[in-house]
Amino acid sequence: MMYSEIYEKVNQEFSGVLAKNLATDINHFDRYFIFKNFEKSSSYCYSRMRELNLKQVEIEKFPADGKSSYS
């Protein structure tokens, strides 16, 4: 009985269909592996997170100068 209550609460907050749609939208940008599309993808993710009332969301930018390295 306890697990069914937890399931119901989680099920009200999460949607497999929404997750699939978000992944499809992100893939639409990222399937062509170019920096311009990465910027579109990050802007899309930023907007979606802000729509969900997440407050501490920011887009970080890093130089692509052929010298800098990021891990």
PDB file of N, CA and C in Angstrom:
ATOM      1  N   MET A   1       0.815  -1.201   0.000  1.00  0.00           N
ATOM      2  CA  MET A   1       0.000   0.000   0.000  1.00  0.00           C
ATOM      3  C   MET A   1       0.860   1.267   0.000  1.00  0.00           C
ATOM      4  N   MET A   2       1.924   1.252   0.785  1.00  0.00           N
ATOM      5  CA  MET A   2       2.765   2.434   0.883  1.00  0.00           C
ATOM      6  C   MET A   2       3.359   2.802  -0.478  1.00  0.00           C
ATOM      7  N   TYR A   3       3.806   1.827  -1.249  1.00  0.00           N
ATOM      8  CA  TYR A   3       4.431   2.100  -2.542  1.00  0.00           C
ATOM      9  C   TYR A   3       3.442   2.702  -3.530  1.00  0.00           C
ATOM     10  N   SER A   4       2.202   2.312  -3.453  1.00  0.00           N
ATOM     11  CA  SER A   4       1.222   2.876  -4.375  1.00  0.00           C
ATOM     12  C   SER A   4       0.995   4.360  -4.082  1.00  0.00           C
ATOM     13  N   GLU A   5       1.062   4.756  -2.825  1.00  0.00           N
ATOM     14  CA  GLU A   5       0.931   6.175  -2.488  1.00  0.00           C
ATOM     15  C   GLU A   5       2.109   6.974  -3.033  1.00  0.00           C
ATOM     16  N   ILE A   6       3.316   6.435  -2.893  1.00  0.00           N
ATOM     17  CA  ILE A   6       4.513   7.097  -3.421  1.00  0.00           C
ATOM     18  C   ILE A   6       4.412   7.184  -4.940  1.00  0.00           C
ATOM     19  N   TYR A   7       4.014   6.092  -5.567  1.00  0.00           N
ATOM     20  CA  TYR A   7       3.872   6.072  -7.022  1.00  0.00           C
ATOM     21  C   TYR A   7       2.909   7.156  -7.482  1.00  0.00           C
ATOM     22  N   GLU A   8       1.789   7.288  -6.819  1.00  0.00           N
ATOM     23  CA  GLU A   8       0.792   8.281  -7.220  1.00  0.00           C
ATOM     24  C   GLU A   8       1.340   9.697  -7.105  1.00  0.00           C
ATOM     25  N   LYS A   9       2.078   9.972  -6.040  1.00  0.00           N
ATOM     26  CA  LYS A   9       2.636  11.312  -5.863  1.00  0.00           C
ATOM     27  C   LYS A   9       3.687  11.606  -6.936  1.00  0.00           C
ATOM     28  N   VAL A  10       4.550  10.639  -7.209  1.00  0.00           N
ATOM     29  CA  VAL A  10       5.574  10.821  -8.241  1.00  0.00           C
ATOM     30  C   VAL A  10       4.921  10.939  -9.605  1.00  0.00           C
ATOM     31  N   ASN A  11       3.938  10.107  -9.873  1.00  0.00           N
ATOM     32  CA  ASN A  11       3.257  10.101 -11.165  1.00  0.00           C
ATOM     33  C   ASN A  11       2.569  11.436 -11.456  1.00  0.00           C
ATOM     34  N   GLN A  12       2.147  12.145 -10.427  1.00  0.00           N
ATOM     35  CA  GLN A  12       1.511  13.451 -10.617  1.00  0.00           C
ATOM     36  C   GLN A  12       2.523  14.513 -11.042  1.00  0.00           C
ATOM     37  N   GLU A  13       3.794  14.317 -10.708  1.00  0.00           N
ATOM     38  CA  GLU A  13       4.816  15.328 -10.966  1.00  0.00           C
ATOM     39  C   GLU A  13       5.646  15.065 -12.218  1.00  0.00           C
ATOM     40  N   PHE A  14       5.732  13.826 -12.653  1.00  0.00           N
ATOM     41  CA  PHE A  14       6.583  13.463 -13.772  1.00  0.00           C
ATOM     42  C   PHE A  14       5.771  12.893 -14.920  1.00  0.00           C
ATOM     43  N   SER A  15       6.262  13.121 -16.122  1.00  0.00           N
ATOM     44  CA  SER A  15       5.569  12.626 -17.295  1.00  0.00           C
ATOM     45  C   SER A  15       6.583  12.037 -18.266  1.00  0.00           C
ATOM     46  N   GLY A  16       6.436  10.774 -18.570  1.00  0.00           N
ATOM     47  CA  GLY A  16       7.296  10.140 -19.565  1.00  0.00           C
ATOM     48  C   GLY A  16       7.115  10.764 -20.933  1.00  0.00           C
ATOM     49  N   VAL A  17       5.896  11.147 -21.253  1.00  0.00           N
ATOM     50  CA  VAL A  17       5.610  11.776 -22.545  1.00  0.00           C
ATOM     51  C   VAL A  17       6.310  13.129 -22.624  1.00  0.00           C
ATOM     52  N   LEU A  18       6.230  13.913 -21.559  1.00  0.00           N
ATOM     53  CA  LEU A  18       6.909  15.210 -21.544  1.00  0.00           C
ATOM     54  C   LEU A  18       8.421  15.024 -21.661  1.00  0.00           C
ATOM     55  N   ALA A  19       8.979  14.063 -20.940  1.00  0.00           N
ATOM     56  CA  ALA A  19      10.425  13.807 -21.017  1.00  0.00           C
ATOM     57  C   ALA A  19      10.830  13.433 -22.433  1.00  0.00           C
ATOM     58  N   LYS A  20      10.040  12.590 -23.075  1.00  0.00           N
ATOM     59  CA  LYS A  20      10.341  12.192 -24.463  1.00  0.00           C
ATOM     60  C   LYS A  20      10.259  13.399 -25.396  1.00  0.00           C
ATOM     61  N   ASN A  21       9.260  14.228 -25.211  1.00  0.00           N
ATOM     62  CA  ASN A  21       9.107  15.412 -26.065  1.00  0.00           C
ATOM     63  C   ASN A  21      10.257  16.396 -25.876  1.00  0.00           C
ATOM     64  N   LEU A  22      10.691  16.588 -24.636  1.00  0.00           N
ATOM     65  CA  LEU A  22      11.823  17.475 -24.381  1.00  0.00           C
ATOM     66  C   LEU A  22      13.094  16.923 -25.019  1.00  0.00           C
ATOM     67  N   ALA A  23      13.332  15.619 -24.875  1.00  0.00           N
ATOM     68  CA  ALA A  23      14.512  14.996 -25.486  1.00  0.00           C
ATOM     69  C   ALA A  23      14.468  15.119 -27.006  1.00  0.00           C
ATOM     70  N   THR A  24      13.293  14.970 -27.587  1.00  0.00           N
ATOM     71  CA  THR A  24      13.136  15.122 -29.034  1.00  0.00           C
ATOM     72  C   THR A  24      13.439  16.556 -29.466  1.00  0.00           C
ATOM     73  N   ASP A  25      12.941  17.521 -28.701  1.00  0.00           N
ATOM     74  CA  ASP A  25      13.200  18.922 -29.022  1.00  0.00           C
ATOM     75  C   ASP A  25      14.693  19.240 -28.957  1.00  0.00           C
ATOM     76  N   ILE A  26      15.366  18.774 -27.913  1.00  0.00           N
ATOM     77  CA  ILE A  26      16.805  19.027 -27.766  1.00  0.00           C
ATOM     78  C   ILE A  26      17.573  18.350 -28.888  1.00  0.00           C
ATOM     79  N   ASN A  27      17.192  17.132 -29.232  1.00  0.00           N
ATOM     80  CA  ASN A  27      17.866  16.426 -30.322  1.00  0.00           C
ATOM     81  C   ASN A  27      17.703  17.169 -31.648  1.00  0.00           C
ATOM     82  N   HIS A  28      16.578  17.835 -31.812  1.00  0.00           N
ATOM     83  CA  HIS A  28      16.346  18.613 -33.037  1.00  0.00           C
ATOM     84  C   HIS A  28      17.456  19.640 -33.243  1.00  0.00           C
ATOM     85  N   PHE A  29      17.926  20.255 -32.151  1.00  0.00           N
ATOM     86  CA  PHE A  29      19.019  21.224 -32.246  1.00  0.00           C
ATOM     87  C   PHE A  29      20.381  20.535 -32.366  1.00  0.00           C
ATOM     88  N   ASP A  30      20.601  19.534 -31.525  1.00  0.00           N
ATOM     89  CA  ASP A  30      21.947  18.964 -31.361  1.00  0.00           C
ATOM     90  C   ASP A  30      22.315  17.889 -32.381  1.00  0.00           C
ATOM     91  N   ARG A  31      21.396  17.464 -33.200  1.00  0.00           N
ATOM     92  CA  ARG A  31      21.725  16.371 -34.129  1.00  0.00           C
ATOM     93  C   ARG A  31      22.762  16.786 -35.163  1.00  0.00           C
ATOM     94  N   TYR A  32      22.805  18.092 -35.471  1.00  0.00           N
ATOM     95  CA  TYR A  32      23.869  18.609 -36.333  1.00  0.00           C
ATOM     96  C   TYR A  32      24.905  19.237 -35.416  1.00  0.00           C
ATOM     97  N   PHE A  33      26.055  18.632 -35.333  1.00  0.00           N
ATOM     98  CA  PHE A  33      27.069  18.923 -34.328  1.00  0.00           C
ATOM     99  C   PHE A  33      27.850  20.187 -34.687  1.00  0.00           C
ATOM    100  N   ILE A  34      27.175  21.357 -34.525  1.00  0.00           N
ATOM    101  CA  ILE A  34      27.843  22.629 -34.795  1.00  0.00           C
ATOM    102  C   ILE A  34      27.531  23.600 -33.651  1.00  0.00           C
ATOM    103  N   PHE A  35      28.452  24.536 -33.409  1.00  0.00           N
ATOM    104  CA  PHE A  35      28.324  25.429 -32.267  1.00  0.00           C
ATOM    105  C   PHE A  35      27.061  26.280 -32.314  1.00  0.00           C
ATOM    106  N   LYS A  36      26.646  26.718 -33.484  1.00  0.00           N
ATOM    107  CA  LYS A  36      25.434  27.532 -33.598  1.00  0.00           C
ATOM    108  C   LYS A  36      24.228  26.785 -33.024  1.00  0.00           C
ATOM    109  N   ASN A  37      24.162  25.488 -33.290  1.00  0.00           N
ATOM    110  CA  ASN A  37      23.037  24.699 -32.775  1.00  0.00           C
ATOM    111  C   ASN A  37      23.160  24.436 -31.281  1.00  0.00           C
ATOM    112  N   PHE A  38      24.386  24.335 -30.763  1.00  0.00           N
ATOM    113  CA  PHE A  38      24.556  24.183 -29.321  1.00  0.00           C
ATOM    114  C   PHE A  38      24.023  25.416 -28.600  1.00  0.00           C
ATOM    115  N   GLU A  39      24.228  26.581 -29.190  1.00  0.00           N
ATOM    116  CA  GLU A  39      23.707  27.811 -28.598  1.00  0.00           C
ATOM    117  C   GLU A  39      22.174  27.809 -28.613  1.00  0.00           C
ATOM    118  N   LYS A  40      21.582  27.353 -29.700  1.00  0.00           N
ATOM    119  CA  LYS A  40      20.116  27.249 -29.765  1.00  0.00           C
ATOM    120  C   LYS A  40      19.592  26.260 -28.722  1.00  0.00           C
ATOM    121  N   SER A  41      20.288  25.135 -28.583  1.00  0.00           N
ATOM    122  CA  SER A  41      19.887  24.112 -27.630  1.00  0.00           C
ATOM    123  C   SER A  41      19.967  24.635 -26.198  1.00  0.00           C
ATOM    124  N   SER A  42      21.051  25.321 -25.874  1.00  0.00           N
ATOM    125  CA  SER A  42      21.192  25.846 -24.514  1.00  0.00           C
ATOM    126  C   SER A  42      20.146  26.924 -24.234  1.00  0.00           C
ATOM    127  N   SER A  43      19.828  27.741 -25.208  1.00  0.00           N
ATOM    128  CA  SER A  43      18.787  28.757 -25.037  1.00  0.00           C
ATOM    129  C   SER A  43      17.426  28.103 -24.815  1.00  0.00           C
ATOM    130  N   TYR A  44      17.153  27.035 -25.560  1.00  0.00           N
ATOM    131  CA  TYR A  44      15.894  26.303 -25.395  1.00  0.00           C
ATOM    132  C   TYR A  44      15.803  25.722 -23.981  1.00  0.00           C
ATOM    133  N   CYS A  45      16.890  25.073 -23.533  1.00  0.00           N
ATOM    134  CA  CYS A  45      16.898  24.474 -22.196  1.00  0.00           C
ATOM    135  C   CYS A  45      16.734  25.542 -21.116  1.00  0.00           C
ATOM    136  N   TYR A  46      17.427  26.659 -21.294  1.00  0.00           N
ATOM    137  CA  TYR A  46      17.311  27.773 -20.354  1.00  0.00           C
ATOM    138  C   TYR A  46      15.852  28.231 -20.256  1.00  0.00           C
ATOM    139  N   SER A  47      15.222  28.439 -21.396  1.00  0.00           N
ATOM    140  CA  SER A  47      13.828  28.901 -21.419  1.00  0.00           C
ATOM    141  C   SER A  47      12.896  27.912 -20.743  1.00  0.00           C
ATOM    142  N   ARG A  48      13.070  26.646 -21.044  1.00  0.00           N
ATOM    143  CA  ARG A  48      12.200  25.621 -20.448  1.00  0.00           C
ATOM    144  C   ARG A  48      12.373  25.569 -18.927  1.00  0.00           C
ATOM    145  N   MET A  49      13.621  25.666 -18.465  1.00  0.00           N
ATOM    146  CA  MET A  49      13.863  25.631 -17.016  1.00  0.00           C
ATOM    147  C   MET A  49      13.274  26.863 -16.331  1.00  0.00           C
ATOM    148  N   ARG A  50      13.365  28.020 -16.969  1.00  0.00           N
ATOM    149  CA  ARG A  50      12.765  29.225 -16.396  1.00  0.00           C
ATOM    150  C   ARG A  50      11.242  29.110 -16.361  1.00  0.00           C
ATOM    151  N   GLU A  51      10.654  28.488 -17.383  1.00  0.00           N
ATOM    152  CA  GLU A  51       9.202  28.267 -17.389  1.00  0.00           C
ATOM    153  C   GLU A  51       8.774  27.391 -16.216  1.00  0.00           C
ATOM    154  N   LEU A  52       9.681  26.536 -15.758  1.00  0.00           N
ATOM    155  CA  LEU A  52       9.389  25.663 -14.622  1.00  0.00           C
ATOM    156  C   LEU A  52       9.728  26.332 -13.292  1.00  0.00           C
ATOM    157  N   ASN A  53       9.983  27.643 -13.353  1.00  0.00           N
ATOM    158  CA  ASN A  53      10.268  28.462 -12.177  1.00  0.00           C
ATOM    159  C   ASN A  53      11.584  28.119 -11.475  1.00  0.00           C
ATOM    160  N   LEU A  54      12.525  27.558 -12.209  1.00  0.00           N
ATOM    161  CA  LEU A  54      13.859  27.370 -11.648  1.00  0.00           C
ATOM    162  C   LEU A  54      14.544  28.735 -11.666  1.00  0.00           C
ATOM    163  N   LYS A  55      15.131  29.118 -10.557  1.00  0.00           N
ATOM    164  CA  LYS A  55      15.656  30.478 -10.417  1.00  0.00           C
ATOM    165  C   LYS A  55      17.137  30.586 -10.766  1.00  0.00           C
ATOM    166  N   GLN A  56      17.945  29.640 -10.368  1.00  0.00           N
ATOM    167  CA  GLN A  56      19.392  29.744 -10.544  1.00  0.00           C
ATOM    168  C   GLN A  56      19.826  29.051 -11.836  1.00  0.00           C
ATOM    169  N   VAL A  57      19.376  29.606 -12.935  1.00  0.00           N
ATOM    170  CA  VAL A  57      19.674  29.057 -14.254  1.00  0.00           C
ATOM    171  C   VAL A  57      20.477  30.098 -15.022  1.00  0.00           C
ATOM    172  N   GLU A  58      21.562  29.669 -15.626  1.00  0.00           N
ATOM    173  CA  GLU A  58      22.337  30.583 -16.449  1.00  0.00           C
ATOM    174  C   GLU A  58      23.021  29.807 -17.566  1.00  0.00           C
ATOM    175  N   ILE A  59      23.344  30.511 -18.610  1.00  0.00           N
ATOM    176  CA  ILE A  59      24.077  29.925 -19.729  1.00  0.00           C
ATOM    177  C   ILE A  59      25.515  30.402 -19.622  1.00  0.00           C
ATOM    178  N   GLU A  60      26.429  29.475 -19.573  1.00  0.00           N
ATOM    179  CA  GLU A  60      27.849  29.819 -19.525  1.00  0.00           C
ATOM    180  C   GLU A  60      28.431  29.727 -20.920  1.00  0.00           C
ATOM    181  N   LYS A  61      29.324  30.637 -21.223  1.00  0.00           N
ATOM    182  CA  LYS A  61      29.969  30.646 -22.538  1.00  0.00           C
ATOM    183  C   LYS A  61      31.474  30.486 -22.342  1.00  0.00           C
ATOM    184  N   PHE A  62      32.078  29.722 -23.218  1.00  0.00           N
ATOM    185  CA  PHE A  62      33.512  29.463 -23.168  1.00  0.00           C
ATOM    186  C   PHE A  62      34.104  29.737 -24.542  1.00  0.00           C
ATOM    187  N   PRO A  63      35.302  30.291 -24.582  1.00  0.00           N
ATOM    188  CA  PRO A  63      35.917  30.564 -25.876  1.00  0.00           C
ATOM    189  C   PRO A  63      36.269  29.273 -26.619  1.00  0.00           C
ATOM    190  N   ALA A  64      36.059  29.295 -27.909  1.00  0.00           N
ATOM    191  CA  ALA A  64      36.471  28.180 -28.771  1.00  0.00           C
ATOM    192  C   ALA A  64      37.619  28.708 -29.623  1.00  0.00           C
ATOM    193  N   ASP A  65      38.781  28.897 -28.966  1.00  0.00           N
ATOM    194  CA  ASP A  65      39.903  29.545 -29.613  1.00  0.00           C
ATOM    195  C   ASP A  65      40.988  28.581 -30.088  1.00  0.00           C
ATOM    196  N   GLY A  66      40.753  27.300 -29.914  1.00  0.00           N
ATOM    197  CA  GLY A  66      41.739  26.314 -30.343  1.00  0.00           C
ATOM    198  C   GLY A  66      42.869  26.133 -29.347  1.00  0.00           C
ATOM    199  N   LYS A  67      42.884  26.915 -28.267  1.00  0.00           N
ATOM    200  CA  LYS A  67      43.927  26.824 -27.238  1.00  0.00           C
ATOM    201  C   LYS A  67      43.375  26.369 -25.905  1.00  0.00           C
ATOM    202  N   SER A  68      42.198  26.889 -25.569  1.00  0.00           N
ATOM    203  CA  SER A  68      41.602  26.593 -24.273  1.00  0.00           C
ATOM    204  C   SER A  68      41.070  25.169 -24.234  1.00  0.00           C
ATOM    205  N   SER A  69      41.133  24.580 -23.056  1.00  0.00           N
ATOM    206  CA  SER A  69      40.673  23.191 -22.892  1.00  0.00           C
ATOM    207  C   SER A  69      39.747  23.140 -21.685  1.00  0.00           C
ATOM    208  N   TYR A  70      38.646  22.433 -21.825  1.00  0.00           N
ATOM    209  CA  TYR A  70      37.664  22.307 -20.756  1.00  0.00           C
ATOM    210  C   TYR A  70      37.316  20.837 -20.584  1.00  0.00           C
ATOM    211  N   SER A  71      37.103  20.460 -19.341  1.00  0.00           N
ATOM    212  CA  SER A  71      36.740  19.062 -19.072  1.00  0.00           C
ATOM    213  C   SER A  71      35.457  19.003 -18.293  1.00  0.00           C
TER     214      SER A  71
END
